[in-house]
C-alpha atoms as a PDB file:
ATOM      1  CA  GLU A   1      18.432   5.710   1.848  1.00  0.00           C
ATOM      2  CA  ASP A   2      15.070   7.439   1.572  1.00  0.00           C
ATOM      3  CA  THR A   3      12.872   7.348   4.649  1.00  0.00           C
ATOM      4  CA  SER A   4      10.112   9.614   3.380  1.00  0.00           C
ATOM      5  CA  THR A   5       6.524   8.761   4.062  1.00  0.00           C
ATOM      6  CA  SER A   6       3.701  10.461   2.220  1.00  0.00           C
ATOM      7  CA  VAL A   7       0.130   9.765   1.276  1.00  0.00           C
ATOM      8  CA  ASN A   8      -1.635  11.739  -1.424  1.00  0.00           C
ATOM      9  CA  LEU A   9      -5.160  10.440  -1.917  1.00  0.00           C
ATOM     10  CA  GLU A  10      -5.904  12.748  -4.844  1.00  0.00           C
ATOM     11  CA  SER A  11      -2.982  11.460  -6.897  1.00  0.00           C
ATOM     12  CA  ASN A  12      -3.276   7.917  -5.497  1.00  0.00           C
ATOM     13  CA  GLN A  13       0.280   7.840  -4.124  1.00  0.00           C
ATOM     14  CA  PHE A  14       1.277   5.855  -1.063  1.00  0.00           C
ATOM     15  CA  MET A  15       4.921   6.043   0.032  1.00  0.00           C
ATOM     16  CA  LEU A  16       6.055   4.423   3.267  1.00  0.00           C
ATOM     17  CA  ASN A  17       9.687   4.862   4.274  1.00  0.00           C
ATOM     18  CA  GLY A  18      10.559   5.541   0.635  1.00  0.00           C
ATOM     19  CA  VAL A  19       8.703   2.465  -0.689  1.00  0.00           C
ATOM     20  CA  ASP A  20       5.888   2.890  -3.221  1.00  0.00           C
ATOM     21  CA  LEU A  21       3.182   0.575  -1.872  1.00  0.00           C
ATOM     22  CA  LEU A  22       1.574   0.345  -5.331  1.00  0.00           C
ATOM     23  CA  ASP A  23       4.813  -0.656  -7.062  1.00  0.00           C
ATOM     24  CA  GLY A  24       4.390  -3.278  -9.770  1.00  0.00           C
ATOM     25  CA  LEU A  25       0.604  -3.208  -9.924  1.00  0.00           C
ATOM     26  CA  ASP A  26      -1.445  -2.720 -13.083  1.00  0.00           C
ATOM     27  CA  ALA A  27      -4.302  -0.186 -13.115  1.00  0.00           C
ATOM     28  CA  GLU A  28      -6.980  -2.566 -11.820  1.00  0.00           C
ATOM     29  CA  GLN A  29      -4.714  -3.938  -9.079  1.00  0.00           C
ATOM     30  CA  ARG A  30      -3.715  -0.379  -8.106  1.00  0.00           C
ATOM     31  CA  PHE A  31      -7.395   0.465  -7.693  1.00  0.00           C
ATOM     32  CA  ILE A  32      -7.953  -2.569  -5.473  1.00  0.00           C
ATOM     33  CA  PHE A  33      -4.876  -2.095  -3.280  1.00  0.00           C
ATOM     34  CA  SER A  34      -5.205   1.681  -2.943  1.00  0.00           C
ATOM     35  CA  SER A  35      -8.882   1.266  -1.976  1.00  0.00           C
ATOM     36  CA  TYR A  36      -7.750  -1.234   0.651  1.00  0.00           C
ATOM     37  CA  LEU A  37      -5.127   1.226   1.935  1.00  0.00           C
ATOM     38  CA  LYS A  38      -7.811   3.923   2.118  1.00  0.00           C
ATOM     39  CA  GLY A  39      -9.800   1.658   4.427  1.00  0.00           C
ATOM     40  CA  TYR A  40     -12.583   0.446   2.156  1.00  0.00           C
ATOM     41  CA  PRO A  41     -13.966  -2.989   3.072  1.00  0.00           C
ATOM     42  CA  LYS A  42     -13.078  -5.769   0.670  1.00  0.00           C
ATOM     43  CA  GLN A  43     -16.736  -6.394  -0.093  1.00  0.00           C
ATOM     44  CA  LYS A  44     -17.213  -2.790  -1.264  1.00  0.00           C
ATOM     45  CA  ILE A  45     -14.060  -2.932  -3.371  1.00  0.00           C
ATOM     46  CA  ALA A  46     -15.354  -6.132  -4.940  1.00  0.00           C
ATOM     47  CA  ILE A  47     -18.641  -4.477  -5.921  1.00  0.00           C
ATOM     48  CA  VAL A  48     -16.891  -1.984  -8.196  1.00  0.00           C
ATOM     49  CA  TYR A  49     -13.895  -4.192  -8.986  1.00  0.00           C
ATOM     50  CA  SER A  50     -14.578  -5.875 -12.276  1.00  0.00           C
ATOM     51  CA  ASN A  51     -17.211  -7.107 -14.651  1.00  0.00           C
ATOM     52  CA  LYS A  52     -14.875  -9.930 -15.685  1.00  0.00           C
ATOM     53  CA  VAL A  53     -15.703 -11.971 -12.598  1.00  0.00           C
ATOM     54  CA  LYS A  54     -19.282 -13.207 -12.536  1.00  0.00           C
ATOM     55  CA  THR A  55     -20.214 -13.814  -8.916  1.00  0.00           C
ATOM     56  CA  ALA A  56     -19.821 -11.535  -5.915  1.00  0.00           C
ATOM     57  CA  LYS A  57     -18.028 -14.313  -4.025  1.00  0.00           C
ATOM     58  CA  ASP A  58     -15.502 -14.682  -6.860  1.00  0.00           C
ATOM     59  CA  ARG A  59     -14.936 -10.910  -6.923  1.00  0.00           C
ATOM     60  CA  VAL A  60     -14.220 -10.880  -3.167  1.00  0.00           C
ATOM     61  CA  THR A  61     -11.840 -13.809  -3.648  1.00  0.00           C
ATOM     62  CA  MET A  62     -10.024 -11.932  -6.428  1.00  0.00           C
ATOM     63  CA  VAL A  63      -9.795  -8.780  -4.276  1.00  0.00           C
ATOM     64  CA  ASP A  64      -8.422 -10.841  -1.378  1.00  0.00           C
ATOM     65  CA  GLU A  65      -5.852 -12.419  -3.680  1.00  0.00           C
ATOM     66  CA  VAL A  66      -4.604  -9.101  -5.074  1.00  0.00           C
ATOM     67  CA  ILE A  67      -4.279  -7.639  -1.560  1.00  0.00           C
ATOM     68  CA  ARG A  68      -2.552 -10.713  -0.138  1.00  0.00           C
ATOM     69  CA  GLN A  69      -0.115 -10.963  -3.062  1.00  0.00           C
ATOM     70  CA  GLN A  70       0.872  -7.296  -2.820  1.00  0.00           C
ATOM     71  CA  ILE A  71       1.351  -7.476   0.950  1.00  0.00           C
ATOM     72  CA  ASP A  72       3.472 -10.620   0.565  1.00  0.00           C
ATOM     73  CA  LYS A  73       5.523  -9.009  -2.213  1.00  0.00           C
ATOM     74  CA  LEU A  74       6.110  -5.847  -0.185  1.00  0.00           C
ATOM     75  CA  LYS A  75       7.154  -7.861   2.873  1.00  0.00           C
ATOM     76  CA  THR A  76       9.515 -10.028   0.829  1.00  0.00           C
ATOM     77  CA  ILE A  77      11.194  -7.210  -1.082  1.00  0.00           C
ATOM     78  CA  TYR A  78      11.017  -4.293   1.356  1.00  0.00           C
ATOM     79  CA  GLY A  79      10.199  -5.859   4.729  1.00  0.00           C
ATOM     80  CA  ALA A  80      12.975  -4.235   6.727  1.00  0.00           C
ATOM     81  CA  ASP A  81      12.519  -0.825   5.079  1.00  0.00           C
ATOM     82  CA  LEU A  82       8.779  -0.839   5.709  1.00  0.00           C
ATOM     83  CA  MET A  83       9.194  -1.644   9.371  1.00  0.00           C
ATOM     84  CA  LYS A  84      11.764   1.049  10.152  1.00  0.00           C
ATOM     85  CA  ALA A  85      10.579   3.730  12.481  1.00  0.00           C
ATOM     86  CA  ALA A  86      11.306   7.268  11.512  1.00  0.00           C
ATOM     87  CA  GLN A  87      14.548   8.424  13.065  1.00  0.00           C
ATOM     88  CA  ARG A  88      15.076  11.914  14.318  1.00  0.00           C
ATOM     89  CA  TYR A  89      18.442  13.309  15.167  1.00  0.00           C
ATOM     90  CA  GLU A  90      19.033  16.318  17.317  1.00  0.00           C
ATOM     91  CA  SER A  91      22.263  18.088  17.876  1.00  0.00           C
ATOM     92  CA  TYR A  92      23.193  20.213  20.827  1.00  0.00           C
ATOM     93  CA  ARG A  93      25.894  22.748  21.209  1.00  0.00           C
ATOM     94  CA  ILE A  94      27.371  23.142  24.598  1.00  0.00           C
ATOM     95  CA  ASP A  95      29.258  26.352  25.153  1.00  0.00           C
ATOM     96  CA  ASP A  96      31.803  26.490  27.960  1.00  0.00           C
END
């Protein structure tokens, strides 16, 4: 069981307790969800999101949908693993 957590913004990698938070996303969805994880507001993500969607409101709706679907998927598949707190074990040696 892998409990590693790492974030590398330059390479766009987000691992939480061994779970790749961008797992299963295509390039456009990865951009949306990683921007969300980086803290960008949904409205700003929607501005640069896609030329395929005509109105700003529709772009925000699409961004919301991608984020919600990925969060739901991660909770369903990895819920317990994502919620685990890091465990630290210490050992002590007691000499008589």
